[in-house]
Amino acid sequence: MFAPAVLQAANELGGGGATIAPLMLSIYVLGWTAGPILVAPISETRGRLPVYLWSSILYIVFTAACAVSPNAIYLILFRFLAGAVGSTPLSLGAGTISDLIPVQQRGLTLSMYMVGPILGPSVGPLVGGCLTDRWGWRSIFWGLLALYGLAALAQVAIMRETYAPAILARKARRLGVKSALDEEGLSSREALARALVRPTKLTIRSPINMFISIVSAYVNGLLFLIVATLPLVFGTEYHFGPREVGLAFNGIGIGNVIGLAVFASTSDRWVRKRLEEGSLKPEDRLLPVVATGPMLAVGLF
């Protein structure tokens, strides 16, 4: 949503340089990389629900701080912090789905869950462009704050803990016994320290995890390079207004929706077939990546 407003915000806050203006937008994604380092391990030791709730509260606080930013440095700082806590749904969403959904049904569920992140890069700039045109760039953050406030209220009213070890630990404490899933002999601090190290070990020691990480980093890097560049290209070279810049992102959204539809209609079917054959591996979900990877190069060309 902020992409079409970057030039306006940079001009108002004195950050109109070639580096500062794109940084206002892309620093949020740097927050995305920092957040999961803490968010995911804490969810394994304290449960997913408290992490969701506290992340929502902090996101509201940091978004309000963005809305009242007096200068570019202030905005960049709180954009980073908002990105860090805003990474929680992306970090924990797939884990929550795996807590609840059998493996042969996860493809469709993941597709439904990914509708938001996939439509964001096209719908967000369009809405952001209209808001900026009418009320200025700060209205984007007030709008986000209102939407996330409603989401936080829904979380408090509806969400429940889904992570089995956290549920069992809570019941065990209430009954005065030890959970079967407790890490034997570890204090809370030691369990958290072990959880903090675990993702790094999984990434380094598992070739497939390393491969997925590199591919995801590259593809997301390209996506946000485009998101950060389009407003500058269309705004300065072609003199588009914020609303027209927002429309320029529709191609990304259309492509994402097509890809999501293909994944949703084929992934679970393929997994069920492999289950029937007794040869299912987690990597079987990656077949669409191999098949459609070359299309990314075609699109960039």
Protein backbone atom coordinates (compact mmCIF):
# COMPACT_ATOMS: atom_id res chain seq x y z
CA MET A 1 0.00 0.00 0.00
CA PHE A 2 2.88 2.38 0.69
CA ALA A 3 4.60 1.88 -2.69
CA PRO A 4 2.72 4.58 -4.67
CA ALA A 5 3.16 7.05 -1.78
CA VAL A 6 6.94 6.78 -1.45
CA LEU A 7 7.78 9.84 -3.58
CA GLN A 8 5.21 11.99 -1.78
CA ALA A 9 6.45 10.89 1.66
CA ALA A 10 10.10 11.37 0.65
CA ASN A 11 9.45 14.90 -0.61
CA GLU A 12 7.56 15.87 2.56
CA LEU A 13 10.04 14.32 5.02
CA GLY A 14 13.21 15.40 3.24
CA GLY A 15 14.23 11.94 2.08
CA GLY A 16 14.03 12.45 -1.65
CA GLY A 17 17.46 11.02 -2.45
CA ALA A 18 17.97 8.06 -4.75
CA THR A 19 18.73 5.80 -1.75
CA ILE A 20 16.45 7.09 1.01
CA ALA A 21 13.15 6.96 -0.91
CA PRO A 22 13.42 3.23 -1.90
CA LEU A 23 14.73 2.45 1.60
CA MET A 24 11.50 3.80 3.12
CA LEU A 25 9.68 1.04 1.24
CA SER A 26 12.14 -1.85 1.29
CA ILE A 27 13.25 -1.56 4.95
CA TYR A 28 9.96 -3.27 5.85
CA VAL A 29 11.18 -6.42 4.09
CA LEU A 30 14.43 -6.32 6.09
CA GLY A 31 12.20 -6.41 9.17
CA TRP A 32 10.58 -9.54 7.72
CA THR A 33 13.96 -11.28 7.81
CA ALA A 34 14.72 -10.23 11.40
CA GLY A 35 11.34 -11.09 12.93
CA PRO A 36 11.21 -14.86 12.30
CA ILE A 37 14.59 -15.36 14.01
CA LEU A 38 12.85 -14.64 17.33
CA VAL A 39 9.17 -15.21 16.51
CA ALA A 40 9.41 -18.84 15.39
CA PRO A 41 11.54 -20.11 18.34
CA ILE A 42 9.41 -18.26 20.92
CA SER A 43 6.29 -19.87 19.45
CA GLU A 44 7.86 -23.29 20.04
CA THR A 45 8.49 -22.58 23.72
CA ARG A 46 5.55 -20.31 24.65
CA GLY A 47 2.93 -21.34 22.08
CA ARG A 48 1.71 -19.69 18.91
CA LEU A 49 -1.22 -17.70 20.31
CA PRO A 50 0.75 -15.32 22.61
CA VAL A 51 3.14 -14.57 19.74
CA TYR A 52 0.26 -13.75 17.39
CA LEU A 53 -1.40 -11.47 19.95
CA TRP A 54 1.72 -9.57 21.06
CA SER A 55 2.84 -9.15 17.44
CA SER A 56 -0.52 -7.62 16.57
CA ILE A 57 -0.34 -5.16 19.47
CA LEU A 58 3.22 -4.09 18.58
CA TYR A 59 2.32 -3.82 14.88
CA ILE A 60 -0.46 -1.36 15.76
CA VAL A 61 1.95 0.69 17.89
CA PHE A 62 4.69 0.81 15.24
CA THR A 63 2.21 1.58 12.44
CA ALA A 64 0.84 4.52 14.44
CA ALA A 65 4.45 5.70 14.85
CA CYS A 66 4.89 5.54 11.06
CA ALA A 67 1.75 7.64 10.58
CA VAL A 68 3.09 10.48 12.76
CA SER A 69 6.72 10.32 11.57
CA PRO A 70 8.34 13.80 11.61
CA ASN A 71 11.28 12.83 9.35
CA ALA A 72 12.60 10.11 7.05
CA ILE A 73 14.85 8.41 9.64
CA TYR A 74 11.96 8.07 12.08
CA LEU A 75 9.76 6.53 9.36
CA ILE A 76 12.49 4.09 8.26
CA LEU A 77 13.09 2.94 11.86
CA PHE A 78 9.43 2.22 12.59
CA ARG A 79 8.86 0.67 9.16
CA PHE A 80 11.62 -1.81 10.06
CA LEU A 81 10.05 -2.59 13.46
CA ALA A 82 6.58 -2.94 11.90
CA GLY A 83 8.06 -5.38 9.37
CA ALA A 84 9.71 -7.41 12.13
CA VAL A 85 6.46 -7.98 14.06
CA GLY A 86 4.40 -8.05 10.85
CA SER A 87 6.35 -11.14 9.78
CA THR A 88 4.56 -13.24 12.43
CA PRO A 89 1.61 -14.44 10.29
CA LEU A 90 4.03 -15.41 7.49
CA SER A 91 6.40 -17.11 9.93
CA LEU A 92 3.78 -19.08 11.86
CA GLY A 93 0.92 -19.48 9.37
CA ALA A 94 2.19 -22.66 7.72
CA GLY A 95 2.99 -24.12 11.16
CA THR A 96 -0.53 -23.37 12.38
CA ILE A 97 -1.94 -25.07 9.29
CA SER A 98 0.23 -28.13 9.92
CA ASP A 99 -1.09 -28.20 13.52
CA LEU A 100 -4.67 -28.47 12.25
CA ILE A 101 -4.83 -29.93 8.73
CA PRO A 102 -3.94 -33.47 7.51
CA VAL A 103 -1.07 -33.57 5.00
CA GLN A 104 -3.26 -34.60 2.03
CA GLN A 105 -5.42 -31.45 2.48
CA ARG A 106 -2.73 -28.86 3.15
CA GLY A 107 -2.24 -27.73 -0.45
CA LEU A 108 -5.73 -26.24 -0.70
CA THR A 109 -5.52 -24.76 2.81
CA LEU A 110 -2.13 -23.21 2.09
CA SER A 111 -3.54 -21.73 -1.10
CA MET A 112 -6.42 -20.12 0.81
CA TYR A 113 -3.95 -18.80 3.40
CA MET A 114 -1.69 -17.37 0.67
CA VAL A 115 -4.45 -15.35 -1.04
CA GLY A 116 -3.64 -12.35 1.17
CA PRO A 117 0.16 -12.26 0.69
CA ILE A 118 -0.23 -12.96 -3.04
CA LEU A 119 -2.84 -10.27 -3.72
CA GLY A 120 -1.01 -7.76 -1.53
CA PRO A 121 1.57 -6.63 -4.13
CA SER A 122 -1.20 -5.75 -6.63
CA VAL A 123 -4.26 -4.77 -4.56
CA GLY A 124 -2.17 -2.94 -1.94
CA PRO A 125 -0.58 -0.40 -4.32
CA LEU A 126 -3.94 0.22 -6.02
CA VAL A 127 -5.66 1.00 -2.70
CA GLY A 128 -2.61 2.92 -1.47
CA GLY A 129 -2.56 5.02 -4.65
CA CYS A 130 -6.22 6.00 -4.21
CA LEU A 131 -5.71 6.88 -0.51
CA THR A 132 -2.61 8.93 -1.30
CA ASP A 133 -4.36 10.81 -4.08
CA ARG A 134 -7.25 11.75 -1.80
CA TRP A 135 -5.81 12.15 1.71
CA GLY A 136 -2.01 11.94 1.48
CA TRP A 137 0.53 9.26 2.37
CA ARG A 138 -0.13 9.26 6.13
CA SER A 139 -3.68 8.01 5.53
CA ILE A 140 -2.19 4.67 4.40
CA PHE A 141 -0.81 3.97 7.88
CA TRP A 142 -4.00 5.08 9.63
CA GLY A 143 -5.93 2.73 7.32
CA LEU A 144 -3.57 -0.15 8.06
CA LEU A 145 -3.84 0.57 11.78
CA ALA A 146 -7.65 0.39 11.63
CA LEU A 147 -7.62 -2.87 9.66
CA TYR A 148 -5.06 -4.51 11.94
CA GLY A 149 -6.95 -3.29 15.00
CA LEU A 150 -10.02 -5.20 13.77
CA ALA A 151 -7.84 -8.26 13.09
CA ALA A 152 -6.39 -8.08 16.63
CA LEU A 153 -9.89 -7.94 18.14
CA ALA A 154 -10.85 -11.00 16.08
CA GLN A 155 -7.72 -12.81 17.31
CA VAL A 156 -8.62 -12.14 20.94
CA ALA A 157 -12.23 -13.24 20.43
CA ILE A 158 -11.76 -16.27 18.18
CA MET A 159 -8.22 -17.66 18.07
CA ARG A 160 -7.08 -20.52 20.29
CA GLU A 161 -3.73 -22.21 20.82
CA THR A 162 -2.98 -24.90 18.20
CA TYR A 163 0.58 -25.99 19.05
CA ALA A 164 0.35 -29.41 20.72
CA PRO A 165 3.37 -29.14 23.09
CA ALA A 166 2.11 -25.77 24.41
CA ILE A 167 -1.41 -27.14 24.97
CA LEU A 168 -0.08 -30.23 26.76
CA ALA A 169 2.34 -28.17 28.85
CA ARG A 170 -0.50 -25.91 30.01
CA LYS A 171 -2.65 -28.92 30.95
CA ALA A 172 0.31 -30.59 32.67
CA ARG A 173 0.99 -27.50 34.81
CA ARG A 174 -2.68 -27.35 35.80
CA LEU A 175 -2.61 -31.02 36.83
CA GLY A 176 0.81 -30.79 38.50
CA VAL A 177 2.44 -33.36 36.20
CA LYS A 178 5.07 -33.30 33.43
CA SER A 179 4.06 -33.21 29.76
CA ALA A 180 5.21 -36.10 27.58
CA LEU A 181 6.54 -33.53 25.09
CA ASP A 182 8.63 -31.58 27.62
CA GLU A 183 12.32 -31.28 26.76
CA GLU A 184 13.77 -33.38 29.56
CA GLY A 185 15.70 -31.49 32.24
CA LEU A 186 15.79 -28.11 30.45
CA SER A 187 14.89 -24.81 32.06
CA SER A 188 12.70 -22.33 30.14
CA ARG A 189 15.79 -20.31 29.22
CA GLU A 190 17.66 -23.39 27.96
CA ALA A 191 14.65 -24.54 25.93
CA LEU A 192 14.41 -21.09 24.32
CA ALA A 193 18.14 -21.05 23.54
CA ARG A 194 17.86 -24.48 21.90
CA ALA A 195 14.84 -23.30 19.88
CA LEU A 196 16.76 -20.20 18.72
CA VAL A 197 19.59 -22.34 17.34
CA ARG A 198 17.37 -25.00 15.75
CA PRO A 199 16.32 -23.07 12.58
CA THR A 200 19.94 -22.29 11.73
CA LYS A 201 20.91 -25.95 12.17
CA LEU A 202 17.98 -27.08 10.00
CA THR A 203 18.95 -24.63 7.27
CA ILE A 204 22.67 -25.41 7.24
CA ARG A 205 22.45 -29.19 7.64
CA SER A 206 19.53 -29.84 5.28
CA PRO A 207 20.36 -29.30 1.58
CA ILE A 208 16.68 -29.04 0.61
CA ASN A 209 16.05 -26.38 3.28
CA MET A 210 19.07 -24.43 2.08
CA PHE A 211 17.85 -24.71 -1.51
CA ILE A 212 14.34 -23.47 -0.60
CA SER A 213 15.84 -20.59 1.41
CA ILE A 214 18.04 -19.45 -1.48
CA VAL A 215 15.24 -19.70 -4.04
CA SER A 216 12.78 -17.88 -1.76
CA ALA A 217 15.30 -15.14 -1.00
CA TYR A 218 16.06 -14.66 -4.70
CA VAL A 219 12.42 -14.62 -5.84
CA ASN A 220 11.27 -12.34 -3.01
CA GLY A 221 14.27 -10.10 -3.64
CA LEU A 222 13.20 -9.74 -7.27
CA LEU A 223 9.59 -9.09 -6.28
CA PHE A 224 10.43 -6.30 -3.86
CA LEU A 225 13.02 -4.85 -6.21
CA ILE A 226 10.17 -4.48 -8.71
CA VAL A 227 7.79 -3.14 -6.03
CA ALA A 228 10.38 -0.53 -4.97
CA THR A 229 11.31 0.39 -8.55
CA LEU A 230 7.91 0.69 -10.27
CA PRO A 231 6.81 3.84 -8.38
CA LEU A 232 10.08 5.58 -9.27
CA VAL A 233 10.04 4.47 -12.92
CA PHE A 234 6.40 5.26 -13.61
CA GLY A 235 6.30 8.31 -11.32
CA THR A 236 9.42 10.09 -12.60
CA GLU A 237 9.93 8.76 -16.14
CA TYR A 238 6.29 8.54 -17.23
CA HIS A 239 4.74 11.08 -14.82
CA PHE A 240 2.08 8.74 -13.45
CA GLY A 241 0.09 9.90 -10.42
CA PRO A 242 -0.18 7.68 -7.31
CA ARG A 243 -3.45 6.13 -8.55
CA GLU A 244 -1.97 5.21 -11.95
CA VAL A 245 1.18 3.82 -10.30
CA GLY A 246 -1.07 1.54 -8.23
CA LEU A 247 -2.71 0.22 -11.40
CA ALA A 248 0.73 -0.69 -12.80
CA PHE A 249 0.98 -3.47 -10.18
CA ASN A 250 -2.01 -5.41 -11.52
CA GLY A 251 0.19 -7.63 -13.70
CA ILE A 252 1.87 -9.05 -10.59
CA GLY A 253 -1.52 -9.80 -9.04
CA ILE A 254 -2.91 -11.51 -12.13
CA GLY A 255 0.17 -13.73 -12.45
CA ASN A 256 0.06 -14.61 -8.75
CA VAL A 257 -3.61 -15.57 -8.86
CA ILE A 258 -3.03 -17.83 -11.88
CA GLY A 259 -0.09 -19.51 -10.14
CA LEU A 260 -2.08 -19.96 -6.94
CA ALA A 261 -5.00 -21.52 -8.83
CA VAL A 262 -2.69 -24.00 -10.56
CA PHE A 263 -1.05 -24.96 -7.24
CA ALA A 264 -4.40 -25.33 -5.45
CA SER A 265 -5.82 -27.59 -8.17
CA THR A 266 -2.78 -29.88 -8.53
CA SER A 267 -0.82 -30.05 -5.25
CA ASP A 268 -3.18 -32.09 -3.05
CA ARG A 269 -4.06 -34.39 -5.96
CA TRP A 270 -0.37 -35.15 -6.49
CA VAL A 271 0.25 -35.70 -2.76
CA ARG A 272 -2.71 -38.09 -2.46
CA LYS A 273 -1.38 -40.07 -5.41
CA ARG A 274 2.06 -40.34 -3.78
CA LEU A 275 0.45 -41.38 -0.48
CA GLU A 276 -1.43 -44.19 -2.23
CA GLU A 277 1.87 -45.33 -3.76
CA GLY A 278 3.52 -45.19 -0.32
CA SER A 279 6.35 -42.97 -1.58
CA LEU A 280 5.38 -39.47 -0.33
CA LYS A 281 8.24 -37.12 0.54
CA PRO A 282 7.93 -33.49 1.74
CA GLU A 283 9.90 -32.41 -1.36
CA ASP A 284 7.04 -33.61 -3.57
CA ARG A 285 5.38 -30.24 -2.90
CA LEU A 286 8.23 -28.56 -4.83
CA LEU A 287 7.32 -29.97 -8.24
CA PRO A 288 5.47 -26.75 -9.31
CA VAL A 289 8.60 -24.72 -8.43
CA VAL A 290 10.72 -26.83 -10.78
CA ALA A 291 8.08 -26.69 -13.51
CA THR A 292 7.41 -22.94 -13.40
CA GLY A 293 10.85 -21.58 -12.43
CA PRO A 294 11.90 -20.90 -16.02
CA MET A 295 8.75 -18.77 -16.50
CA LEU A 296 10.22 -16.26 -14.03
CA ALA A 297 13.14 -15.65 -16.40
CA VAL A 298 10.74 -15.26 -19.34
CA GLY A 299 8.70 -12.71 -17.41
CA LEU A 300 11.77 -10.68 -16.43
CA PHE A 301 12.94 -10.69 -20.03
